[in-house]
Amino acid sequence: MTGKKVSGEGMGGTGSGGGPEGSPKRGPEGEMTGEERIIALGACPYARLMGMEILEARPGYARVAMDTTGKENFLGVAHGGAVFSLADQAFAAAANRGEALQVAVSVHIHYLTPAKGRLEAVARLVAETDRTSHILVEVKSGERVVATFEGVAYKA
């Protein structure tokens, strides 16, 4: 998945994976693999509605982009909810590309400066235990950091 854009195609149906009769490749107990979770994350209705694109995802790291056109607040800049959604998507991709399914248990965002146009969120794993992962996300407009986000994910 490194360096590849993720689309919603390839989940289920013929020709979609390495399993029997074209079914998606599953883990030993039938759960989704990390790659399948990333495909599903990129294909979910909310991600598509927001126009988010997973540019890169590997265990503990992800890059996600989104154009904020049409997602402005009354001041004409990117709505905080849109910026949060982008950061959350990168957090989820970094957490879920590995072997374990992970769900958010705590997140926090700092909005540093207003933003417009195309934003990119970069998520990095900074610490983990057997049960949790701590991931930091920077949301940028070009080289300018517009928000920072930190999240703790529980390994389900």
N, C-alpha and C. Protein backbone atom coordinates (compact mmCIF):
# COMPACT_ATOMS: atom_id res chain seq x y z
N MET A 1 0.82 -1.19 0.00
CA MET A 1 0.00 0.00 0.00
C MET A 1 0.87 1.25 0.00
N THR A 2 2.13 1.14 0.27
CA THR A 2 3.00 2.29 0.33
C THR A 2 3.04 3.01 -1.00
N GLY A 3 2.82 4.33 -0.97
CA GLY A 3 2.93 5.15 -2.14
C GLY A 3 1.81 5.01 -3.14
N LYS A 4 0.77 4.29 -2.81
CA LYS A 4 -0.33 4.09 -3.74
C LYS A 4 -1.57 4.82 -3.25
N LYS A 5 -2.29 5.39 -4.19
CA LYS A 5 -3.57 5.99 -3.85
C LYS A 5 -4.58 4.88 -3.65
N VAL A 6 -5.49 5.09 -2.71
CA VAL A 6 -6.48 4.07 -2.39
C VAL A 6 -7.84 4.54 -2.87
N SER A 7 -8.50 3.70 -3.63
CA SER A 7 -9.85 4.02 -4.06
C SER A 7 -10.80 3.04 -3.41
N GLY A 8 -12.06 3.21 -3.66
CA GLY A 8 -13.07 2.34 -3.10
C GLY A 8 -13.25 1.06 -3.89
N GLU A 9 -12.52 0.87 -4.96
CA GLU A 9 -12.68 -0.31 -5.78
C GLU A 9 -11.92 -1.48 -5.16
N GLY A 10 -12.38 -2.66 -5.42
CA GLY A 10 -11.65 -3.84 -5.02
C GLY A 10 -12.18 -4.52 -3.79
N MET A 11 -13.23 -4.04 -3.18
CA MET A 11 -13.79 -4.69 -2.01
C MET A 11 -14.93 -5.58 -2.44
N GLY A 12 -14.69 -6.86 -2.47
CA GLY A 12 -15.74 -7.80 -2.85
C GLY A 12 -15.86 -7.93 -4.35
N GLY A 13 -16.66 -8.89 -4.77
CA GLY A 13 -16.87 -9.08 -6.20
C GLY A 13 -15.72 -9.84 -6.84
N THR A 14 -15.82 -10.08 -8.12
CA THR A 14 -14.80 -10.85 -8.80
C THR A 14 -13.56 -10.02 -9.03
N GLY A 15 -12.43 -10.70 -9.01
CA GLY A 15 -11.17 -10.04 -9.30
C GLY A 15 -10.69 -9.10 -8.23
N SER A 16 -11.21 -9.21 -7.00
CA SER A 16 -10.87 -8.21 -6.00
C SER A 16 -9.81 -8.64 -5.02
N GLY A 17 -9.37 -9.86 -5.06
CA GLY A 17 -8.37 -10.23 -4.08
C GLY A 17 -7.87 -11.64 -4.28
N GLY A 18 -7.10 -12.09 -3.28
CA GLY A 18 -6.45 -13.37 -3.40
C GLY A 18 -7.23 -14.52 -2.81
N GLY A 19 -8.45 -14.32 -2.37
CA GLY A 19 -9.24 -15.38 -1.77
C GLY A 19 -9.93 -16.24 -2.81
N PRO A 20 -10.66 -17.26 -2.36
CA PRO A 20 -11.36 -18.13 -3.31
C PRO A 20 -12.40 -17.37 -4.12
N GLU A 21 -12.51 -17.73 -5.38
CA GLU A 21 -13.52 -17.17 -6.29
C GLU A 21 -13.50 -15.65 -6.32
N GLY A 22 -12.31 -15.03 -6.19
CA GLY A 22 -12.19 -13.59 -6.30
C GLY A 22 -12.59 -12.83 -5.06
N SER A 23 -12.90 -13.51 -3.95
CA SER A 23 -13.27 -12.80 -2.73
C SER A 23 -12.04 -12.15 -2.12
N PRO A 24 -12.23 -11.12 -1.29
CA PRO A 24 -11.08 -10.45 -0.68
C PRO A 24 -10.28 -11.42 0.20
N LYS A 25 -8.97 -11.23 0.24
CA LYS A 25 -8.10 -12.03 1.07
C LYS A 25 -8.36 -11.69 2.53
N ARG A 26 -8.57 -12.70 3.36
CA ARG A 26 -8.89 -12.50 4.77
C ARG A 26 -7.79 -13.04 5.66
N GLY A 27 -7.77 -12.54 6.89
CA GLY A 27 -6.83 -13.03 7.88
C GLY A 27 -7.22 -14.42 8.34
N PRO A 28 -6.44 -15.02 9.27
CA PRO A 28 -6.64 -16.40 9.67
C PRO A 28 -8.02 -16.68 10.29
N GLU A 29 -8.64 -15.71 10.90
CA GLU A 29 -9.95 -15.92 11.53
C GLU A 29 -11.07 -15.27 10.73
N GLY A 30 -10.80 -14.90 9.48
CA GLY A 30 -11.82 -14.31 8.62
C GLY A 30 -11.95 -12.80 8.76
N GLU A 31 -11.10 -12.16 9.60
CA GLU A 31 -11.19 -10.71 9.75
C GLU A 31 -10.52 -10.02 8.57
N MET A 32 -10.80 -8.74 8.41
CA MET A 32 -10.20 -7.98 7.33
C MET A 32 -8.69 -7.85 7.56
N THR A 33 -7.95 -7.86 6.49
CA THR A 33 -6.51 -7.59 6.58
C THR A 33 -6.32 -6.08 6.69
N GLY A 34 -5.09 -5.66 7.03
CA GLY A 34 -4.80 -4.23 7.11
C GLY A 34 -5.06 -3.53 5.79
N GLU A 35 -4.69 -4.16 4.69
CA GLU A 35 -4.92 -3.56 3.37
C GLU A 35 -6.41 -3.41 3.10
N GLU A 36 -7.19 -4.42 3.45
CA GLU A 36 -8.64 -4.34 3.25
C GLU A 36 -9.26 -3.23 4.09
N ARG A 37 -8.76 -3.06 5.32
CA ARG A 37 -9.30 -1.98 6.16
C ARG A 37 -9.03 -0.62 5.54
N ILE A 38 -7.85 -0.45 4.93
CA ILE A 38 -7.53 0.83 4.28
C ILE A 38 -8.43 1.06 3.07
N ILE A 39 -8.65 0.03 2.28
CA ILE A 39 -9.54 0.15 1.12
C ILE A 39 -10.95 0.52 1.59
N ALA A 40 -11.43 -0.15 2.63
CA ALA A 40 -12.77 0.13 3.15
C ALA A 40 -12.85 1.54 3.72
N LEU A 41 -11.79 1.97 4.40
CA LEU A 41 -11.76 3.32 4.97
C LEU A 41 -11.85 4.37 3.87
N GLY A 42 -11.13 4.17 2.79
CA GLY A 42 -11.18 5.10 1.67
C GLY A 42 -12.48 5.07 0.90
N ALA A 43 -13.18 3.94 0.97
CA ALA A 43 -14.42 3.77 0.22
C ALA A 43 -15.67 4.10 1.01
N CYS A 44 -15.54 4.35 2.31
CA CYS A 44 -16.74 4.58 3.12
C CYS A 44 -17.48 5.84 2.64
N PRO A 45 -18.78 5.88 2.80
CA PRO A 45 -19.57 7.00 2.29
C PRO A 45 -19.11 8.37 2.80
N TYR A 46 -18.72 8.46 4.06
CA TYR A 46 -18.31 9.77 4.59
C TYR A 46 -17.01 10.24 3.94
N ALA A 47 -16.04 9.35 3.78
CA ALA A 47 -14.78 9.73 3.13
C ALA A 47 -15.02 10.18 1.70
N ARG A 48 -15.91 9.49 1.00
CA ARG A 48 -16.23 9.88 -0.37
C ARG A 48 -16.96 11.22 -0.39
N LEU A 49 -17.90 11.41 0.52
CA LEU A 49 -18.63 12.68 0.61
C LEU A 49 -17.67 13.85 0.83
N MET A 50 -16.68 13.64 1.69
CA MET A 50 -15.72 14.69 2.02
C MET A 50 -14.62 14.84 0.96
N GLY A 51 -14.53 13.88 0.04
CA GLY A 51 -13.51 13.95 -1.00
C GLY A 51 -12.11 13.64 -0.49
N MET A 52 -12.01 12.81 0.55
CA MET A 52 -10.71 12.45 1.11
C MET A 52 -10.06 11.36 0.27
N GLU A 53 -8.75 11.46 0.13
CA GLU A 53 -7.99 10.51 -0.67
C GLU A 53 -6.80 10.01 0.15
N ILE A 54 -6.75 8.72 0.39
CA ILE A 54 -5.61 8.14 1.10
C ILE A 54 -4.48 7.99 0.10
N LEU A 55 -3.43 8.78 0.28
CA LEU A 55 -2.30 8.80 -0.65
C LEU A 55 -1.29 7.71 -0.34
N GLU A 56 -1.14 7.41 0.95
CA GLU A 56 -0.16 6.41 1.38
C GLU A 56 -0.58 5.88 2.73
N ALA A 57 -0.41 4.59 2.93
CA ALA A 57 -0.71 4.00 4.23
C ALA A 57 0.18 2.78 4.45
N ARG A 58 0.83 2.78 5.58
CA ARG A 58 1.59 1.62 6.02
C ARG A 58 1.44 1.55 7.53
N PRO A 59 1.78 0.45 8.16
CA PRO A 59 1.59 0.38 9.61
C PRO A 59 2.25 1.55 10.33
N GLY A 60 1.44 2.31 11.06
CA GLY A 60 1.95 3.44 11.84
C GLY A 60 2.18 4.72 11.07
N TYR A 61 1.76 4.78 9.81
CA TYR A 61 1.98 5.98 9.00
C TYR A 61 0.91 6.08 7.92
N ALA A 62 0.44 7.31 7.69
CA ALA A 62 -0.52 7.54 6.60
C ALA A 62 -0.47 8.99 6.16
N ARG A 63 -0.79 9.20 4.87
CA ARG A 63 -0.97 10.54 4.30
C ARG A 63 -2.32 10.56 3.61
N VAL A 64 -3.13 11.57 3.95
CA VAL A 64 -4.47 11.70 3.38
C VAL A 64 -4.65 13.15 2.94
N ALA A 65 -5.25 13.35 1.78
CA ALA A 65 -5.47 14.70 1.25
C ALA A 65 -6.95 14.96 1.04
N MET A 66 -7.29 16.26 1.04
CA MET A 66 -8.67 16.67 0.82
C MET A 66 -8.68 18.13 0.34
N ASP A 67 -9.51 18.42 -0.64
CA ASP A 67 -9.73 19.79 -1.08
C ASP A 67 -10.85 20.36 -0.21
N THR A 68 -10.63 21.53 0.36
CA THR A 68 -11.64 22.12 1.26
C THR A 68 -12.67 22.98 0.53
N THR A 69 -12.57 23.08 -0.80
CA THR A 69 -13.57 23.83 -1.55
C THR A 69 -14.95 23.22 -1.29
N GLY A 70 -15.90 24.06 -0.91
CA GLY A 70 -17.25 23.59 -0.58
C GLY A 70 -17.38 23.13 0.87
N LYS A 71 -16.30 23.25 1.63
CA LYS A 71 -16.31 22.84 3.04
C LYS A 71 -15.92 24.02 3.94
N GLU A 72 -16.21 25.24 3.47
CA GLU A 72 -15.85 26.44 4.21
C GLU A 72 -16.91 26.80 5.26
N ASN A 73 -16.47 27.51 6.28
CA ASN A 73 -17.40 28.06 7.27
C ASN A 73 -17.86 29.44 6.80
N PHE A 74 -18.59 30.15 7.64
CA PHE A 74 -19.13 31.45 7.23
C PHE A 74 -18.05 32.51 7.05
N LEU A 75 -16.83 32.23 7.50
CA LEU A 75 -15.71 33.16 7.31
C LEU A 75 -14.95 32.90 6.01
N GLY A 76 -15.34 31.86 5.30
CA GLY A 76 -14.71 31.55 4.02
C GLY A 76 -13.45 30.71 4.12
N VAL A 77 -13.19 30.13 5.28
CA VAL A 77 -12.04 29.24 5.44
C VAL A 77 -12.54 27.84 5.76
N ALA A 78 -11.65 26.86 5.69
CA ALA A 78 -12.04 25.47 5.92
C ALA A 78 -12.72 25.33 7.28
N HIS A 79 -13.87 24.69 7.30
CA HIS A 79 -14.61 24.44 8.53
C HIS A 79 -13.79 23.54 9.44
N GLY A 80 -13.80 23.82 10.73
CA GLY A 80 -13.06 23.01 11.69
C GLY A 80 -13.45 21.55 11.64
N GLY A 81 -14.72 21.27 11.39
CA GLY A 81 -15.16 19.88 11.29
C GLY A 81 -14.54 19.16 10.11
N ALA A 82 -14.33 19.87 9.01
CA ALA A 82 -13.69 19.27 7.83
C ALA A 82 -12.22 18.98 8.12
N VAL A 83 -11.54 19.92 8.78
CA VAL A 83 -10.13 19.72 9.14
C VAL A 83 -10.01 18.55 10.10
N PHE A 84 -10.91 18.49 11.09
CA PHE A 84 -10.91 17.37 12.04
C PHE A 84 -11.13 16.05 11.31
N SER A 85 -12.08 16.02 10.39
CA SER A 85 -12.37 14.79 9.65
C SER A 85 -11.15 14.30 8.88
N LEU A 86 -10.42 15.20 8.26
CA LEU A 86 -9.22 14.84 7.52
C LEU A 86 -8.17 14.24 8.47
N ALA A 87 -7.94 14.89 9.60
CA ALA A 87 -6.97 14.38 10.57
C ALA A 87 -7.40 13.03 11.11
N ASP A 88 -8.68 12.87 11.38
CA ASP A 88 -9.20 11.61 11.90
C ASP A 88 -9.04 10.48 10.88
N GLN A 89 -9.22 10.78 9.62
CA GLN A 89 -9.06 9.77 8.56
C GLN A 89 -7.60 9.31 8.50
N ALA A 90 -6.66 10.24 8.59
CA ALA A 90 -5.24 9.88 8.58
C ALA A 90 -4.90 9.04 9.82
N PHE A 91 -5.42 9.44 10.97
CA PHE A 91 -5.24 8.69 12.22
C PHE A 91 -5.74 7.26 12.05
N ALA A 92 -6.94 7.10 11.52
CA ALA A 92 -7.52 5.77 11.33
C ALA A 92 -6.70 4.93 10.35
N ALA A 93 -6.22 5.54 9.29
CA ALA A 93 -5.43 4.80 8.31
C ALA A 93 -4.10 4.34 8.90
N ALA A 94 -3.43 5.20 9.64
CA ALA A 94 -2.16 4.82 10.26
C ALA A 94 -2.37 3.71 11.29
N ALA A 95 -3.46 3.81 12.05
CA ALA A 95 -3.74 2.82 13.09
C ALA A 95 -4.15 1.47 12.52
N ASN A 96 -4.85 1.47 11.40
CA ASN A 96 -5.47 0.24 10.91
C ASN A 96 -4.76 -0.45 9.75
N ARG A 97 -3.62 0.05 9.32
CA ARG A 97 -2.90 -0.60 8.22
C ARG A 97 -2.15 -1.85 8.70
N GLY A 98 -1.90 -1.95 9.99
CA GLY A 98 -1.19 -3.10 10.54
C GLY A 98 -2.08 -4.31 10.73
N GLU A 99 -1.64 -5.21 11.59
CA GLU A 99 -2.35 -6.47 11.80
C GLU A 99 -3.64 -6.33 12.60
N ALA A 100 -3.67 -5.42 13.58
CA ALA A 100 -4.82 -5.33 14.49
C ALA A 100 -5.83 -4.28 14.05
N LEU A 101 -7.10 -4.61 14.20
CA LEU A 101 -8.16 -3.62 14.05
C LEU A 101 -8.05 -2.68 15.24
N GLN A 102 -8.08 -1.36 15.00
CA GLN A 102 -7.97 -0.39 16.08
C GLN A 102 -9.10 0.62 15.99
N VAL A 103 -9.59 1.04 17.16
CA VAL A 103 -10.66 2.04 17.23
C VAL A 103 -10.22 3.17 18.15
N ALA A 104 -10.65 4.37 17.83
CA ALA A 104 -10.28 5.55 18.62
C ALA A 104 -10.94 5.50 20.00
N VAL A 105 -10.16 5.84 21.01
CA VAL A 105 -10.71 5.97 22.36
C VAL A 105 -10.55 7.40 22.88
N SER A 106 -9.63 8.15 22.28
CA SER A 106 -9.43 9.53 22.70
C SER A 106 -8.75 10.29 21.57
N VAL A 107 -9.26 11.48 21.26
CA VAL A 107 -8.63 12.33 20.26
C VAL A 107 -8.71 13.78 20.71
N HIS A 108 -7.76 14.57 20.23
CA HIS A 108 -7.73 15.99 20.55
C HIS A 108 -7.09 16.74 19.39
N ILE A 109 -7.63 17.90 19.07
CA ILE A 109 -7.10 18.69 17.95
C ILE A 109 -6.80 20.12 18.41
N HIS A 110 -5.75 20.69 17.83
CA HIS A 110 -5.41 22.10 18.03
C HIS A 110 -5.47 22.76 16.65
N TYR A 111 -6.31 23.76 16.50
CA TYR A 111 -6.39 24.53 15.25
C TYR A 111 -5.40 25.68 15.39
N LEU A 112 -4.42 25.76 14.50
CA LEU A 112 -3.35 26.74 14.63
C LEU A 112 -3.56 27.98 13.79
N THR A 113 -4.11 27.80 12.59
CA THR A 113 -4.33 28.92 11.69
C THR A 113 -5.39 28.54 10.67
N PRO A 114 -6.15 29.49 10.16
CA PRO A 114 -7.16 29.17 9.14
C PRO A 114 -6.51 28.60 7.89
N ALA A 115 -7.28 27.80 7.16
CA ALA A 115 -6.76 27.16 5.96
C ALA A 115 -7.79 27.20 4.84
N LYS A 116 -7.29 27.09 3.62
CA LYS A 116 -8.13 27.00 2.42
C LYS A 116 -7.47 26.04 1.46
N GLY A 117 -8.25 25.60 0.48
CA GLY A 117 -7.70 24.78 -0.61
C GLY A 117 -7.39 23.36 -0.20
N ARG A 118 -6.38 22.79 -0.84
CA ARG A 118 -6.01 21.40 -0.61
C ARG A 118 -5.19 21.28 0.67
N LEU A 119 -5.62 20.37 1.54
CA LEU A 119 -4.91 20.09 2.78
C LEU A 119 -4.40 18.65 2.75
N GLU A 120 -3.32 18.41 3.46
CA GLU A 120 -2.79 17.06 3.59
C GLU A 120 -2.52 16.77 5.06
N ALA A 121 -2.96 15.62 5.51
CA ALA A 121 -2.73 15.18 6.88
C ALA A 121 -1.73 14.04 6.87
N VAL A 122 -0.72 14.14 7.73
CA VAL A 122 0.30 13.10 7.86
C VAL A 122 0.23 12.57 9.28
N ALA A 123 -0.01 11.28 9.41
CA ALA A 123 -0.14 10.63 10.72
C ALA A 123 1.05 9.72 10.96
N ARG A 124 1.58 9.78 12.20
CA ARG A 124 2.73 8.94 12.58
C ARG A 124 2.50 8.32 13.94
N LEU A 125 2.79 7.05 14.05
CA LEU A 125 2.76 6.36 15.33
C LEU A 125 3.93 6.84 16.16
N VAL A 126 3.66 7.27 17.41
CA VAL A 126 4.74 7.74 18.27
C VAL A 126 4.98 6.83 19.48
N ALA A 127 3.99 6.03 19.85
CA ALA A 127 4.15 5.10 20.97
C ALA A 127 3.05 4.05 20.89
N GLU A 128 3.35 2.87 21.43
CA GLU A 128 2.31 1.85 21.48
C GLU A 128 2.60 0.86 22.60
N THR A 129 1.53 0.22 23.04
CA THR A 129 1.59 -0.88 24.00
C THR A 129 0.92 -2.08 23.33
N ASP A 130 0.75 -3.15 24.09
CA ASP A 130 0.05 -4.31 23.55
C ASP A 130 -1.40 -3.99 23.22
N ARG A 131 -1.98 -2.99 23.87
CA ARG A 131 -3.41 -2.69 23.70
C ARG A 131 -3.71 -1.35 23.04
N THR A 132 -2.77 -0.41 23.00
CA THR A 132 -3.07 0.91 22.45
C THR A 132 -1.95 1.43 21.55
N SER A 133 -2.32 2.38 20.71
CA SER A 133 -1.38 3.11 19.86
C SER A 133 -1.62 4.60 20.07
N HIS A 134 -0.54 5.37 20.13
CA HIS A 134 -0.63 6.83 20.24
C HIS A 134 -0.10 7.41 18.93
N ILE A 135 -0.96 8.15 18.24
CA ILE A 135 -0.64 8.65 16.90
C ILE A 135 -0.78 10.16 16.86
N LEU A 136 0.23 10.82 16.29
CA LEU A 136 0.18 12.26 16.08
C LEU A 136 -0.05 12.56 14.61
N VAL A 137 -0.87 13.58 14.35
CA VAL A 137 -1.20 13.97 12.98
C VAL A 137 -0.93 15.46 12.82
N GLU A 138 -0.28 15.82 11.73
CA GLU A 138 -0.14 17.22 11.34
C GLU A 138 -0.97 17.43 10.09
N VAL A 139 -1.78 18.48 10.10
CA VAL A 139 -2.55 18.87 8.92
C VAL A 139 -1.86 20.09 8.34
N LYS A 140 -1.53 20.01 7.04
CA LYS A 140 -0.77 21.08 6.41
C LYS A 140 -1.48 21.64 5.19
N SER A 141 -1.24 22.91 4.96
CA SER A 141 -1.59 23.58 3.72
C SER A 141 -0.26 23.95 3.09
N GLY A 142 0.17 23.18 2.11
CA GLY A 142 1.54 23.34 1.60
C GLY A 142 2.51 22.94 2.69
N GLU A 143 3.42 23.82 3.05
CA GLU A 143 4.40 23.55 4.11
C GLU A 143 3.94 24.08 5.47
N ARG A 144 2.82 24.80 5.49
CA ARG A 144 2.33 25.43 6.73
C ARG A 144 1.44 24.47 7.51
N VAL A 145 1.80 24.23 8.78
CA VAL A 145 0.98 23.40 9.65
C VAL A 145 -0.23 24.22 10.10
N VAL A 146 -1.44 23.70 9.82
CA VAL A 146 -2.66 24.43 10.18
C VAL A 146 -3.36 23.82 11.39
N ALA A 147 -3.05 22.54 11.70
CA ALA A 147 -3.65 21.89 12.87
C ALA A 147 -2.79 20.71 13.28
N THR A 148 -2.82 20.42 14.57
CA THR A 148 -2.21 19.19 15.08
C THR A 148 -3.27 18.40 15.79
N PHE A 149 -3.16 17.09 15.74
CA PHE A 149 -4.18 16.17 16.25
C PHE A 149 -3.44 15.02 16.90
N GLU A 150 -3.90 14.63 18.05
CA GLU A 150 -3.33 13.42 18.64
C GLU A 150 -4.46 12.48 19.02
N GLY A 151 -4.20 11.20 18.82
CA GLY A 151 -5.22 10.20 19.10
C GLY A 151 -4.64 8.96 19.72
N VAL A 152 -5.47 8.33 20.54
CA VAL A 152 -5.15 7.04 21.12
C VAL A 152 -6.15 6.04 20.55
N ALA A 153 -5.60 4.95 20.01
CA ALA A 153 -6.43 3.89 19.44
C ALA A 153 -6.29 2.63 20.29
N TYR A 154 -7.42 1.94 20.46
CA TYR A 154 -7.46 0.68 21.18
C TYR A 154 -7.40 -0.47 20.19
N LYS A 155 -6.53 -1.43 20.44
CA LYS A 155 -6.40 -2.59 19.56
C LYS A 155 -7.48 -3.60 19.93
N ALA A 156 -8.51 -3.66 19.08
CA ALA A 156 -9.68 -4.50 19.37
C ALA A 156 -9.38 -5.97 19.18
